[in-house]
């Protein structure tokens, strides 16, 4: 028995036919109208092509943001310094937990960077405990 192979590239995808010659020939005859550009000719559907509906352009919806005052990570840490949170030495993780409780979201890197800057400016004093650094308010 002779074998045949055909690959048909359609808009919807690629059709691969492989098998006996008569099998491949029969399906090629079915796909021929579609390949020639008559959409819907396959499976005996209407031969009129579907009209493409142009994509609608919808203007973006602008939601009003809450008028709450936005505070930076550094500003939130300064507020905690003034409130007395740093009376006892605090780790970066403790500072992050406190800011989360207050509704602030800051990355660990941002907190570490701001704590380092505040210690360089003299508002906080770094205390090294092994590899860890804890910060307390400078006196």
Protein backbone atom coordinates (compact mmCIF):
# COMPACT_ATOMS: atom_id res chain seq x y z
CA UNK A 1 0.00 0.00 0.00
CA UNK A 2 1.22 3.44 -0.89
CA UNK A 3 1.39 6.05 1.85
CA UNK A 4 0.87 9.81 1.42
CA UNK A 5 1.44 12.81 3.63
CA UNK A 6 -0.03 16.32 3.33
CA UNK A 7 0.34 19.42 5.50
CA UNK A 8 -2.32 22.14 5.16
CA UNK A 9 -1.77 25.53 6.76
CA UNK A 10 -5.10 27.17 7.69
CA UNK A 11 -5.81 30.31 9.70
CA UNK A 12 -7.17 28.19 12.52
CA UNK A 13 -4.13 25.93 12.61
CA UNK A 14 -2.15 23.34 10.70
CA UNK A 15 -3.72 20.07 9.51
CA UNK A 16 -1.45 17.09 8.92
CA UNK A 17 -2.78 14.16 6.94
CA UNK A 18 -0.87 10.92 6.74
CA UNK A 19 -2.03 7.52 5.60
CA UNK A 20 -3.12 5.64 2.50
CA UNK A 21 -3.28 7.68 -0.70
CA UNK A 22 -7.08 7.45 -0.96
CA UNK A 23 -7.52 8.65 2.62
CA UNK A 24 -5.27 11.69 2.09
CA UNK A 25 -6.86 12.46 -1.31
CA UNK A 26 -10.39 12.38 0.17
CA UNK A 27 -9.49 14.88 2.93
CA UNK A 28 -7.55 17.09 0.52
CA UNK A 29 -10.72 17.32 -1.57
CA UNK A 30 -12.63 18.38 1.57
CA UNK A 31 -10.06 21.04 2.53
CA UNK A 32 -9.47 22.36 -1.01
CA UNK A 33 -12.28 25.03 -0.87
CA UNK A 34 -10.99 26.30 2.49
CA UNK A 35 -7.44 26.53 1.20
CA UNK A 36 -8.68 28.51 -1.82
CA UNK A 37 -10.25 31.07 0.50
CA UNK A 38 -13.91 30.14 0.70
CA UNK A 39 -14.52 30.12 4.43
CA UNK A 40 -17.26 27.84 5.60
CA UNK A 41 -16.99 25.53 2.57
CA UNK A 42 -15.72 22.79 4.83
CA UNK A 43 -18.45 20.59 6.30
CA UNK A 44 -21.08 22.01 3.94
CA UNK A 45 -21.71 25.30 5.80
CA UNK A 46 -22.73 28.52 4.06
CA UNK A 47 -20.13 29.69 1.57
CA UNK A 48 -20.30 33.35 2.57
CA UNK A 49 -17.29 34.37 4.62
CA UNK A 50 -17.84 35.76 8.08
CA UNK A 51 -17.43 39.47 8.35
CA UNK A 52 -14.75 40.48 10.77
CA UNK A 53 -16.01 42.83 13.42
CA UNK A 54 -13.55 45.66 13.97
CA UNK A 55 -12.19 45.85 17.46
CA UNK A 56 -13.85 48.56 19.50
CA UNK A 57 -11.64 51.07 21.10
CA UNK A 58 -12.91 51.74 24.57
CA UNK A 59 -11.41 54.64 26.46
CA UNK A 60 -9.72 53.58 29.69
CA UNK A 61 -11.72 53.94 32.86
CA UNK A 62 -9.96 56.22 35.29
CA UNK A 63 -10.84 55.38 38.82
CA UNK A 64 -10.40 58.04 41.38
CA UNK A 65 -7.74 57.08 43.81
CA UNK A 66 -8.39 57.49 47.46
CA UNK A 67 -7.37 60.94 48.52
CA UNK A 68 -5.43 59.51 51.46
CA UNK A 69 -2.04 61.05 51.93
CA UNK A 70 0.66 58.77 50.61
CA UNK A 71 3.62 58.29 52.89
CA UNK A 72 6.99 57.02 51.76
CA UNK A 73 8.76 54.18 53.49
CA UNK A 74 11.31 56.61 54.92
CA UNK A 75 8.52 58.87 56.19
CA UNK A 76 6.77 55.95 57.85
CA UNK A 77 10.00 54.91 59.60
CA UNK A 78 10.59 58.50 60.76
CA UNK A 79 7.07 58.54 62.21
CA UNK A 80 7.86 55.35 64.11
CA UNK A 81 11.08 56.89 65.43
CA UNK A 82 9.11 59.87 66.76
CA UNK A 83 6.43 57.62 68.29
CA UNK A 84 9.03 55.80 70.40
CA UNK A 85 8.99 52.48 68.58
CA UNK A 86 12.80 52.49 68.43
CA UNK A 87 13.27 52.94 72.20
CA UNK A 88 14.34 49.28 72.22
CA UNK A 89 16.58 47.83 69.46
CA UNK A 90 14.53 46.59 66.49
CA UNK A 91 15.44 44.31 63.59
CA UNK A 92 14.51 44.94 59.99
CA UNK A 93 11.82 42.24 60.24
CA UNK A 94 10.28 43.87 63.32
CA UNK A 95 10.20 47.22 61.51
CA UNK A 96 8.53 45.61 58.49
CA UNK A 97 5.93 43.92 60.71
CA UNK A 98 5.16 47.25 62.40
CA UNK A 99 4.75 49.02 59.04
CA UNK A 100 2.44 46.25 57.79
CA UNK A 101 0.32 46.69 60.93
CA UNK A 102 0.08 50.39 60.08
CA UNK A 103 -1.01 49.59 56.51
CA UNK A 104 2.29 50.32 54.75
CA UNK A 105 3.92 47.94 52.32
CA UNK A 106 7.65 48.34 51.90
CA UNK A 107 10.16 45.86 50.55
CA UNK A 108 12.83 44.43 52.83
CA UNK A 109 15.50 46.13 50.74
CA UNK A 110 13.76 49.49 51.02
CA UNK A 111 13.49 49.17 54.78
CA UNK A 112 17.15 48.17 55.14
CA UNK A 113 18.26 51.05 52.92
CA UNK A 114 16.21 53.61 54.84
CA UNK A 115 17.36 52.30 58.23
CA UNK A 116 20.97 52.59 57.05
CA UNK A 117 20.41 56.16 55.81
CA UNK A 118 18.71 57.16 59.06
CA UNK A 119 21.60 55.68 61.05
CA UNK A 120 24.10 57.59 58.88
CA UNK A 121 22.18 60.80 59.52
CA UNK A 122 22.33 60.16 63.27
CA UNK A 123 18.62 59.52 64.01
CA UNK A 124 19.20 55.81 64.64
CA UNK A 125 22.10 53.96 66.17
CA UNK A 126 23.02 50.59 64.65
CA UNK A 127 23.79 47.76 67.07
CA UNK A 128 25.59 44.75 65.61
CA UNK A 129 24.66 41.41 67.12
CA UNK A 130 26.67 38.79 65.24
CA UNK A 131 25.66 39.12 61.61
CA UNK A 132 22.41 40.89 62.43
CA UNK A 133 22.02 44.63 62.78
CA UNK A 134 19.37 46.07 65.07
CA UNK A 135 18.51 49.75 65.26
CA UNK A 136 17.50 51.96 68.17
CA UNK A 137 16.92 55.66 68.56
CA UNK A 138 20.06 57.70 69.12
CA UNK A 139 20.24 59.56 72.38
